[in-house]
Protein backbone atom coordinates (compact mmCIF):
# COMPACT_ATOMS: atom_id res chain seq x y z
CA MET A 1 22.87 0.60 -8.65
CA HIS A 2 23.50 -2.05 -6.00
CA ASN A 3 21.49 -4.39 -3.85
CA ASP A 4 20.61 -3.68 -0.23
CA ALA A 5 17.96 -6.17 0.83
CA ASN A 6 17.83 -4.85 4.40
CA PHE A 7 17.51 -1.09 3.90
CA LEU A 8 14.28 -0.66 5.86
CA THR A 9 14.95 -3.36 8.43
CA ASP A 10 18.39 -1.88 9.07
CA ASN A 11 16.73 1.47 9.80
CA PRO A 12 13.77 0.81 12.15
CA GLU A 13 12.94 4.49 12.59
CA LEU A 14 12.74 4.96 8.83
CA TYR A 15 10.55 1.85 8.65
CA GLU A 16 8.10 3.40 11.10
CA GLU A 17 8.08 6.65 9.11
CA GLN A 18 7.40 4.72 5.90
CA PHE A 19 4.62 2.65 7.49
CA PRO A 20 3.13 4.79 10.28
CA ASP A 21 0.54 3.40 12.68
CA PRO A 22 -0.04 6.22 15.18
CA GLU A 23 -3.32 4.76 16.42
CA HIS A 24 -1.84 1.25 16.93
CA LEU A 25 -4.47 -0.26 14.65
CA ALA A 26 -2.51 -3.48 14.09
CA ALA A 27 -1.91 -4.08 17.79
CA ARG A 28 -5.50 -3.21 18.78
CA PHE A 29 -6.82 -5.42 15.97
CA VAL A 30 -4.93 -8.38 17.42
CA LEU A 31 -6.25 -7.71 20.92
CA ASP A 32 -9.79 -7.59 19.52
CA LEU A 33 -9.33 -11.02 17.92
CA ILE A 34 -7.80 -12.44 21.09
CA GLY A 35 -10.85 -11.21 22.97
CA ARG A 36 -13.27 -12.65 20.42
CA TYR A 37 -11.62 -16.06 20.20
CA GLY A 38 -10.42 -16.64 23.73
CA GLY A 39 -6.66 -16.16 23.64
CA GLY A 40 -4.62 -15.64 26.80
CA GLU A 41 -1.93 -13.21 27.91
CA ASP A 42 1.31 -14.82 26.69
CA LEU A 43 2.03 -13.64 23.14
CA LEU A 44 4.74 -14.50 20.63
CA ASP A 45 5.11 -12.06 17.73
CA VAL A 46 6.79 -13.70 14.72
CA GLY A 47 8.42 -11.02 12.57
CA CYS A 48 8.14 -8.50 15.40
CA GLY A 49 9.96 -5.79 13.45
CA SER A 50 10.46 -2.57 15.39
CA GLY A 51 8.50 -3.79 18.41
CA ARG A 52 5.79 -1.17 17.96
CA ASP A 53 2.98 -3.71 18.37
CA ALA A 54 4.75 -5.55 21.17
CA ALA A 55 5.11 -2.32 23.14
CA HIS A 56 1.38 -1.66 22.88
CA TRP A 57 0.52 -5.18 24.04
CA SER A 58 2.97 -4.93 26.91
CA ARG A 59 1.47 -1.62 28.04
CA ASN A 60 -1.91 -3.38 28.11
CA GLY A 61 -0.78 -6.14 30.45
CA TYR A 62 0.33 -8.87 28.03
CA ARG A 63 3.56 -10.81 28.35
CA VAL A 64 5.29 -10.46 24.99
CA THR A 65 8.10 -12.28 23.18
CA GLY A 66 9.21 -11.31 19.70
CA ILE A 67 11.47 -12.88 17.07
CA ASP A 68 12.89 -11.38 13.90
CA THR A 69 15.82 -11.96 11.53
CA SER A 70 17.06 -8.36 11.69
CA PRO A 71 19.52 -7.57 14.51
CA ARG A 72 18.73 -3.84 14.32
CA MET A 73 15.01 -4.47 14.54
CA ILE A 74 15.53 -6.69 17.59
CA GLU A 75 17.65 -4.01 19.27
CA HIS A 76 15.05 -1.34 18.49
CA ALA A 77 12.20 -3.54 19.70
CA GLN A 78 13.93 -4.15 23.01
CA ARG A 79 14.32 -0.39 23.51
CA GLN A 80 10.66 0.25 22.63
CA CYS A 81 9.40 -2.62 24.78
CA PRO A 82 11.82 -3.09 27.70
CA ASP A 83 9.52 -5.57 29.45
CA GLY A 84 9.40 -7.85 26.40
CA ILE A 85 11.76 -10.65 25.43
CA PHE A 86 13.25 -10.46 21.94
CA ALA A 87 15.40 -12.94 20.07
CA LEU A 88 17.11 -13.15 16.70
CA ALA A 89 15.55 -16.20 15.08
CA ASP A 90 14.21 -17.64 11.82
CA MET A 91 10.48 -18.35 11.66
CA ARG A 92 11.13 -21.84 10.26
CA THR A 93 13.56 -22.99 12.94
CA PHE A 94 12.96 -20.99 16.14
CA ARG A 95 13.16 -22.83 19.46
CA LEU A 96 12.22 -20.97 22.62
CA GLU A 97 11.99 -22.24 26.17
CA ALA A 98 8.41 -21.05 26.50
CA ALA A 99 4.82 -21.83 25.56
CA PHE A 100 2.31 -19.22 24.41
CA ASP A 101 -1.42 -18.59 24.34
CA ALA A 102 -1.25 -16.85 20.95
CA ILE A 103 1.24 -16.42 18.12
CA THR A 104 0.89 -13.41 15.84
CA CYS A 105 2.29 -13.14 12.33
CA LEU A 106 1.38 -9.77 10.80
CA ASP A 107 2.14 -7.74 7.69
CA SER A 108 2.45 -10.80 5.43
CA ALA A 109 5.34 -12.30 7.41
CA PHE A 110 3.53 -15.65 7.02
CA LEU A 111 4.18 -15.40 3.27
CA TYR A 112 7.96 -15.34 3.65
CA CYS A 113 7.52 -19.12 3.75
CA HIS A 114 8.05 -19.48 0.01
CA THR A 115 7.98 -23.28 -0.29
CA ASN A 116 5.70 -26.01 1.03
CA SER A 117 8.57 -27.19 3.21
CA ASP A 118 8.94 -23.68 4.66
CA LEU A 119 5.23 -23.63 5.51
CA ASP A 120 5.37 -27.06 7.13
CA ASP A 121 8.40 -26.08 9.21
CA PHE A 122 6.88 -22.79 10.37
CA LEU A 123 3.55 -24.32 11.36
CA GLU A 124 5.32 -27.15 13.17
CA ARG A 125 7.27 -24.56 15.16
CA CYS A 126 4.04 -22.66 15.92
CA ARG A 127 2.29 -25.81 17.09
CA ALA A 128 5.30 -26.74 19.26
CA HIS A 129 5.20 -23.32 20.98
CA LEU A 130 1.44 -23.01 21.46
CA ARG A 131 -0.45 -24.38 24.40
CA PRO A 132 -3.36 -26.68 23.45
CA GLY A 133 -6.16 -24.42 22.27
CA GLY A 134 -3.72 -21.59 21.56
CA LEU A 135 -4.33 -19.21 18.66
CA LEU A 136 -2.36 -18.44 15.51
CA ILE A 137 -3.34 -14.97 14.24
CA ALA A 138 -2.03 -13.95 10.83
CA GLU A 139 -2.54 -10.95 8.55
CA MET A 140 -1.31 -11.19 4.98
CA ARG A 141 -1.93 -10.58 1.31
CA ASN A 142 -4.74 -12.64 -0.19
CA GLY A 143 -3.75 -14.78 -3.16
CA ALA A 144 -7.39 -14.97 -4.31
CA PHE A 145 -7.41 -11.19 -4.84
CA PHE A 146 -5.17 -11.61 -7.88
CA LEU A 147 -7.74 -13.79 -9.67
CA GLY A 148 -9.00 -11.10 -12.03
CA ASN A 149 -7.41 -8.10 -10.30
CA SER A 150 -4.26 -6.47 -11.64
CA GLU A 151 -4.44 -3.02 -10.03
CA LEU A 152 -1.46 -3.70 -7.75
CA LEU A 153 0.58 -4.92 -10.70
CA ASP A 154 0.07 -1.93 -12.98
CA GLY A 155 3.01 0.44 -13.22
CA ILE A 156 5.48 1.74 -10.67
CA ARG A 157 4.34 3.33 -7.42
CA GLU A 158 6.36 6.23 -6.05
CA ARG A 159 6.44 7.27 -2.43
CA SER A 160 8.41 9.86 -0.46
CA VAL A 161 9.12 9.98 3.25
CA GLN A 162 11.01 12.51 5.38
CA TRP A 163 13.45 11.14 7.94
CA LYS A 164 16.00 13.16 9.88
CA GLY A 165 15.59 16.06 7.47
CA VAL A 166 16.24 13.95 4.36
CA ALA A 167 13.66 13.13 1.68
CA TYR A 168 13.77 9.46 0.75
CA ARG A 169 12.02 8.36 -2.44
CA SER A 170 10.99 4.80 -3.24
CA ARG A 171 9.75 3.36 -6.54
CA THR A 172 8.06 -0.01 -6.23
CA ARG A 173 6.86 -2.51 -8.78
CA LEU A 174 5.15 -5.86 -8.22
CA TRP A 175 4.80 -8.84 -10.52
CA ILE A 176 3.67 -12.44 -10.22
CA ASP A 177 6.07 -15.34 -10.61
CA HIS A 178 3.48 -17.92 -11.63
CA ALA A 179 5.79 -20.93 -11.60
CA GLU A 180 6.87 -20.32 -8.01
CA GLN A 181 3.47 -18.91 -6.90
CA LEU A 182 5.20 -15.78 -5.60
CA LEU A 183 4.36 -12.10 -5.64
CA ARG A 184 7.73 -10.49 -6.28
CA ARG A 185 8.66 -6.92 -5.42
CA GLU A 186 11.47 -4.60 -6.44
CA ARG A 187 11.81 -1.34 -4.53
CA ILE A 188 14.41 1.23 -5.58
CA TRP A 189 15.45 3.92 -3.09
CA ASP A 190 17.20 7.21 -3.71
CA TRP A 191 17.76 10.47 -1.81
CA PRO A 192 19.88 13.60 -2.27
CA ASP A 193 23.59 12.79 -2.41
CA CYS A 194 22.97 9.03 -2.15
CA GLY A 195 25.44 8.39 -4.95
CA ARG A 196 23.96 5.09 -6.04
CA GLU A 197 20.39 3.89 -5.90
CA LEU A 198 19.57 1.07 -3.52
CA ILE A 199 17.59 -1.89 -4.82
CA GLN A 200 15.55 -4.02 -2.44
CA ARG A 201 14.03 -7.26 -3.71
CA SER A 202 11.64 -9.51 -1.84
CA ALA A 203 8.77 -11.89 -2.45
CA TRP A 204 5.67 -13.33 -0.81
CA ARG A 205 4.08 -16.72 -1.35
CA LEU A 206 0.58 -16.36 -2.79
CA LEU A 207 -1.78 -18.59 -0.84
CA PHE A 208 -5.46 -19.14 -1.52
CA PRO A 209 -8.09 -19.57 1.21
CA GLN A 210 -8.88 -23.23 0.50
CA GLU A 211 -5.16 -24.01 0.21
CA LEU A 212 -4.57 -22.37 3.59
CA ARG A 213 -7.34 -24.38 5.23
CA ARG A 214 -5.84 -27.64 4.01
CA ILE A 215 -2.28 -26.71 5.03
CA LEU A 216 -3.40 -25.65 8.50
CA GLY A 217 -5.55 -28.72 8.97
CA GLN A 218 -2.66 -31.01 8.07
CA ALA A 219 -0.44 -29.11 10.52
CA GLY A 220 -2.81 -29.66 13.45
CA PHE A 221 -4.87 -26.46 13.44
CA ASP A 222 -8.58 -25.74 13.21
CA VAL A 223 -9.42 -22.60 11.24
CA LEU A 224 -11.79 -20.55 13.40
CA ALA A 225 -12.15 -17.60 11.05
CA MET A 226 -10.84 -16.28 7.74
CA PHE A 227 -11.89 -12.87 6.44
CA ASP A 228 -10.74 -10.17 4.06
CA HIS A 229 -11.92 -7.04 5.87
CA PRO A 230 -11.79 -5.09 8.00
CA GLY A 231 -8.19 -5.20 9.16
CA PRO A 232 -5.39 -2.77 9.99
CA ARG A 233 -4.43 -2.40 6.30
CA THR A 234 -7.88 -2.38 4.68
CA ASP A 235 -9.98 0.56 3.56
CA PRO A 236 -12.04 1.17 5.59
CA ALA A 237 -9.81 0.02 8.39
CA TRP A 238 -10.73 -2.17 11.35
CA HIS A 239 -12.60 -0.63 14.27
CA PRO A 240 -13.71 -2.23 17.55
CA GLY A 241 -16.71 -4.50 17.16
CA ALA A 242 -16.54 -4.53 13.35
CA ASP A 243 -18.28 -7.35 11.51
CA LEU A 244 -15.88 -9.67 9.69
CA SER A 245 -16.45 -10.23 5.96
CA ALA A 246 -15.89 -13.77 4.67
CA ALA A 247 -16.14 -12.78 0.99
CA LEU A 248 -12.34 -13.23 0.71
CA SER A 249 -12.13 -11.12 -2.44
CA GLY A 250 -10.08 -8.28 -0.93
CA ASP A 251 -6.36 -7.64 -1.03
CA ARG A 252 -5.80 -8.67 2.61
CA LEU A 253 -6.51 -11.98 4.30
CA HIS A 254 -6.86 -12.40 8.05
CA LEU A 255 -6.65 -15.77 9.73
CA ILE A 256 -7.43 -17.11 13.19
CA ALA A 257 -6.52 -20.78 13.71
CA GLN A 258 -6.48 -22.82 16.89
CA ARG A 259 -4.02 -25.52 17.85
CA THR A 260 -5.85 -28.80 18.26
CA ALA A 261 -5.33 -30.87 21.41
């Protein structure tokens, strides 16, 4: 076995096969929230990945910029969304010569800020790049879900995906690092004739709703809404006009915050 922390991000097409979104639920979900809460047309996508969402927004008349730490994802995003602007940048340190009406941070990218310092730096960068009244829209795992729920932590989950005629198998396990307040993941990949298995390790900060409100308030944001469902990764999934549940007991947490003047 050996480590390969960038297996999916180094293969954007495989990433999209592993996590399909043929109906553009994530991108349409964001546009719904922008409509509900008064965002504008200049968007920055933090952790833009393959550019699938950016391409949908661009096709619908939005001006889109995306940042990511994967060179291959940035290249793929630029091909998918030729009218967008994409840059290789870290979410804690990015500096762009532009201001935005909304910043999106989907698929738990927010939680790659593992420390309090990381969170402070990221939110400072968001505030610096948002126009007054601009929106921060985030979709992530919900730390509160793990208070009494262990279903995501039980056992190893196997998944297979076909890509370019090859069957790729992944085995994933999750566990909580209580001291660091992290949800850690190990994903092991194998496929015919791979020789050695690939091991991918990552982690997400577990944040609780009240903790998030305090962090955002200290960073110069007003929380306009926080809800657990529906969203692009919930069951049932988001649909236009859906009511937003503030129970905050589900696996996913969705956040809309506004930069104060």
